[in-house]
Amino acid sequence: MSTHAARERLLLADLLEAAGPDAPTLCEGWATRDLAAHLVVRERRPDAAAGVLLGPLRGRLERMQAEFAAKPYEELVRLVRTGPPRMSPFSLKQVDEGANTVEFYVHAEDVRRARADWTPREVDPVFADALWTRLERAARLLGRRCPVGLVVRRPDGRTAVAHRGAPVVTVTGEPGELTLFLHGRQGAARVEADGEAEAIARVTEARLGI
C-alpha cells in the first residue's frame, strides 16, 4: 500500500519537473533547482543535512547543496522521485512516512503557490487527518518563537496550542493550510485569524517553523 509520503514524493517530483529549474518557490532565495538540491542532500547526505539544525555544520550543508544544485536538473528530479539509497534511514518505510509526509507536502505547495495562477489543492479527508495528527504533535515546536499566544483550529472545532501567551490569536483553517501557516508560510496559507489586530500582525510576521 502506498504511504502518504510516497504519494507526496511523486507529486512533488512531478511539480518540480513541470516547473523547470528556474521557477520561483516560497522558500526565500530558492528557485526550484535549489529546492530539489535541498531534498536530495537531506536524504542522501545526512552528514551535511544536520546543518539545518546544527549551526557549526551549516557551512558544510550550504556547500553540499551548491554542489548538488550544479548537477543537471533532470538528475536532481530523478533522485527526488526515486528516493534515497538503501543505506539511508529514509529508505525505511516508517522513517519515510514520519519524516517526509509533511516535508513533501509543504515543499510541493512551495512550488505550486509561488505561481501567480495557483489554485487550492483539494486534500482528501484521510490525508487531512494525517496532517492534523502531525500538526498536533509538532505545534509547540513550530510555534515556539511566536511573540504572542497562538492557537490553531480546524473548522470542526478541534484545536492545538502552538504557543502559550497573551494576547491570544486563533488561526482557523483546514489542516493543510494550518500546516503551511505553522511552517512559516503565513502569507500563502488560506486561513482566518481572530484576535487583536496588533497581535494578528505580529503572528503574521513571526518566524514560525523549524
Protein backbone atom coordinates (compact mmCIF):
# COMPACT_ATOMS: atom_id res chain seq x y z
CA MET A 1 0.00 0.00 0.00
CA SER A 2 1.32 3.44 -0.90
CA THR A 3 2.04 5.70 2.06
CA HIS A 4 1.27 9.39 2.28
CA ALA A 5 4.97 10.18 1.95
CA ALA A 6 5.35 8.03 -1.16
CA ARG A 7 2.41 9.77 -2.82
CA GLU A 8 3.61 13.23 -1.86
CA ARG A 9 7.09 12.41 -3.17
CA LEU A 10 5.73 11.64 -6.63
CA LEU A 11 3.50 14.73 -6.65
CA LEU A 12 6.44 16.91 -5.65
CA ALA A 13 8.70 15.37 -8.29
CA ASP A 14 6.03 15.99 -10.94
CA LEU A 15 5.70 19.62 -9.88
CA LEU A 16 9.47 20.16 -9.95
CA GLU A 17 9.71 18.55 -13.37
CA ALA A 18 6.87 20.64 -14.81
CA ALA A 19 8.17 23.89 -13.32
CA GLY A 20 11.71 23.57 -14.65
CA PRO A 21 14.93 24.52 -12.85
CA ASP A 22 14.50 28.28 -12.53
CA ALA A 23 10.93 28.64 -11.29
CA PRO A 24 10.32 30.59 -8.07
CA THR A 25 9.35 28.91 -4.80
CA LEU A 26 8.06 30.15 -1.46
CA CYS A 27 11.46 29.34 0.06
CA GLU A 28 13.17 32.71 0.19
CA GLY A 29 16.14 32.85 -2.19
CA TRP A 30 15.50 29.40 -3.65
CA ALA A 31 14.45 28.52 -7.17
CA THR A 32 13.18 25.02 -7.91
CA ARG A 33 16.75 23.84 -8.61
CA ASP A 34 17.81 24.87 -5.09
CA LEU A 35 14.79 23.20 -3.54
CA ALA A 36 15.47 19.96 -5.41
CA ALA A 37 19.12 20.05 -4.27
CA HIS A 38 17.98 20.54 -0.66
CA LEU A 39 15.71 17.49 -0.87
CA VAL A 40 18.43 15.29 -2.32
CA VAL A 41 21.07 16.34 0.22
CA ARG A 42 18.61 15.83 3.07
CA GLU A 43 18.09 12.18 2.14
CA ARG A 44 21.47 11.25 0.73
CA ARG A 45 23.99 13.22 2.78
CA PRO A 46 22.97 13.17 6.45
CA ASP A 47 26.47 14.33 7.38
CA ALA A 48 25.65 17.65 5.73
CA ALA A 49 21.88 17.74 6.25
CA ALA A 50 22.39 18.05 10.00
CA GLY A 51 23.37 21.65 9.29
CA VAL A 52 19.67 22.51 9.16
CA LEU A 53 19.62 22.24 12.95
CA LEU A 54 23.28 22.47 13.92
CA GLY A 55 24.89 25.84 13.28
CA PRO A 56 28.51 24.59 13.09
CA LEU A 57 27.53 22.32 10.17
CA ARG A 58 25.61 24.97 8.25
CA GLY A 59 28.55 25.89 6.05
CA ARG A 60 29.03 22.26 5.04
CA LEU A 61 25.33 21.99 4.25
CA GLU A 62 25.41 25.09 2.05
CA ARG A 63 28.48 23.85 0.16
CA MET A 64 26.94 20.42 -0.39
CA GLN A 65 23.65 21.90 -1.61
CA ALA A 66 25.55 24.14 -4.02
CA GLU A 67 27.39 21.10 -5.40
CA PHE A 68 24.16 19.22 -5.97
CA ALA A 69 22.44 22.29 -7.43
CA ALA A 70 25.18 22.37 -10.08
CA LYS A 71 24.16 18.92 -11.33
CA PRO A 72 21.78 18.53 -14.30
CA TYR A 73 18.28 19.40 -13.14
CA GLU A 74 16.82 16.26 -14.67
CA GLU A 75 19.14 14.21 -12.47
CA LEU A 76 18.06 16.06 -9.34
CA VAL A 77 14.39 15.49 -10.10
CA ARG A 78 15.09 11.81 -10.77
CA LEU A 79 16.83 11.48 -7.39
CA VAL A 80 13.88 13.15 -5.65
CA ARG A 81 11.45 10.82 -7.42
CA THR A 82 13.35 7.57 -6.82
CA GLY A 83 14.19 8.36 -3.22
CA PRO A 84 17.21 7.61 -1.04
CA PRO A 85 19.66 4.72 -1.36
CA ARG A 86 19.07 1.60 0.71
CA MET A 87 21.66 2.53 3.31
CA SER A 88 19.83 5.76 4.13
CA PRO A 89 17.49 5.76 7.15
CA PHE A 90 14.94 7.44 4.87
CA SER A 91 14.70 4.20 2.88
CA LEU A 92 12.80 2.64 5.81
CA LYS A 93 9.07 2.97 5.25
CA GLN A 94 8.37 4.09 8.82
CA VAL A 95 11.08 6.75 8.72
CA ASP A 96 9.99 7.93 5.29
CA GLU A 97 6.39 8.28 6.43
CA GLY A 98 7.30 10.04 9.65
CA ALA A 99 9.90 12.42 8.25
CA ASN A 100 8.69 13.11 4.73
CA THR A 101 4.89 13.33 4.72
CA VAL A 102 4.79 16.94 5.90
CA GLU A 103 8.15 17.84 4.32
CA PHE A 104 6.99 16.87 0.84
CA TYR A 105 3.52 18.37 1.26
CA VAL A 106 4.92 21.75 2.32
CA HIS A 107 7.55 21.84 -0.42
CA ALA A 108 5.02 20.81 -3.06
CA GLU A 109 2.97 23.83 -2.02
CA ASP A 110 6.15 25.94 -2.08
CA VAL A 111 6.32 25.18 -5.80
CA ARG A 112 2.59 25.42 -6.52
CA ARG A 113 1.84 28.62 -4.61
CA ALA A 114 4.79 30.57 -5.96
CA ARG A 115 2.94 30.77 -9.27
CA ALA A 116 0.55 33.64 -9.91
CA ASP A 117 -2.19 31.31 -11.18
CA TRP A 118 -2.17 28.74 -8.36
CA THR A 119 -5.41 27.29 -7.06
CA PRO A 120 -6.02 25.47 -3.76
CA ARG A 121 -5.36 21.75 -3.78
CA GLU A 122 -8.17 19.52 -2.63
CA VAL A 123 -6.86 17.39 0.23
CA ASP A 124 -8.76 14.16 0.91
CA PRO A 125 -10.11 13.64 4.47
CA VAL A 126 -7.71 10.79 5.31
CA PHE A 127 -4.67 12.85 4.38
CA ALA A 128 -6.11 15.90 6.13
CA ASP A 129 -6.39 13.89 9.35
CA ALA A 130 -2.82 12.64 8.90
CA LEU A 131 -1.58 16.22 8.56
CA TRP A 132 -3.58 17.29 11.61
CA THR A 133 -2.16 14.47 13.74
CA ARG A 134 1.37 15.55 12.88
CA LEU A 135 0.49 19.19 13.45
CA GLU A 136 -0.88 18.49 16.91
CA ARG A 137 2.38 16.78 17.87
CA ALA A 138 4.63 19.47 16.45
CA ALA A 139 2.58 22.61 17.18
CA ARG A 140 4.60 23.69 20.25
CA LEU A 141 7.88 23.26 18.40
CA LEU A 142 6.70 25.10 15.30
CA GLY A 143 5.19 27.96 17.29
CA ARG A 144 7.92 28.33 19.91
CA ARG A 145 9.14 31.68 18.57
CA CYS A 146 5.67 33.23 18.30
CA PRO A 147 5.62 36.54 20.21
CA VAL A 148 2.00 36.11 21.38
CA GLY A 149 -0.31 33.24 22.25
CA LEU A 150 -1.23 31.14 19.23
CA VAL A 151 -3.94 28.51 18.81
CA VAL A 152 -4.68 26.69 15.56
CA ARG A 153 -8.20 25.45 14.95
CA ARG A 154 -9.86 23.18 12.43
CA PRO A 155 -13.30 24.15 11.07
CA ASP A 156 -14.81 21.29 13.12
CA GLY A 157 -13.55 22.89 16.34
CA ARG A 158 -10.53 20.74 17.13
CA THR A 159 -7.66 22.88 18.37
CA ALA A 160 -3.96 22.72 19.18
CA VAL A 161 -1.94 25.21 21.20
CA ALA A 162 1.15 26.36 19.32
CA HIS A 163 2.31 28.92 21.88
CA ARG A 164 1.09 29.97 25.31
CA GLY A 165 0.91 33.66 25.99
CA ALA A 166 -1.27 36.75 25.85
CA PRO A 167 -2.94 38.16 23.91
CA VAL A 168 -4.08 35.06 22.03
CA VAL A 169 -4.58 34.74 18.29
CA THR A 170 -6.69 31.85 16.98
CA VAL A 171 -5.97 30.80 13.41
CA THR A 172 -8.67 28.69 11.74
CA GLY A 173 -8.28 26.64 8.58
CA GLU A 174 -8.08 23.20 7.07
CA PRO A 175 -5.18 21.03 8.29
CA GLY A 176 -3.14 21.55 5.13
CA GLU A 177 -3.48 25.32 5.41
CA LEU A 178 -2.61 25.30 9.11
CA THR A 179 0.40 23.13 8.33
CA LEU A 180 1.67 25.74 5.90
CA PHE A 181 0.94 28.54 8.37
CA LEU A 182 2.92 26.95 11.21
CA HIS A 183 5.78 26.13 8.83
CA GLY A 184 6.32 29.82 8.15
CA ARG A 185 4.18 30.23 5.04
CA GLN A 186 1.69 32.56 6.72
CA GLY A 187 1.25 34.75 3.65
CA ALA A 188 0.37 31.81 1.40
CA ALA A 189 -1.93 29.92 3.80
CA ARG A 190 -5.68 30.33 3.39
CA VAL A 191 -6.74 30.80 6.99
CA GLU A 192 -8.74 33.19 9.15
CA ALA A 193 -7.20 34.84 12.22
CA ASP A 194 -9.15 36.07 15.24
CA GLY A 195 -7.70 38.34 17.90
CA GLU A 196 -6.40 41.84 18.44
CA ALA A 197 -5.25 43.46 15.20
CA GLU A 198 -1.75 44.15 16.52
CA ALA A 199 -1.38 40.58 17.77
CA ILE A 200 -2.52 39.18 14.42
CA ALA A 201 0.05 41.32 12.65
CA ARG A 202 2.79 40.01 14.94
CA VAL A 203 1.79 36.41 14.28
CA THR A 204 1.71 37.04 10.53
CA GLU A 205 5.25 38.37 10.64
CA ALA A 206 6.61 35.87 13.19
CA ARG A 207 9.33 33.39 12.37
CA LEU A 208 7.34 30.17 12.67
CA GLY A 209 8.53 26.65 11.84
CA ILE A 210 11.72 24.70 12.40
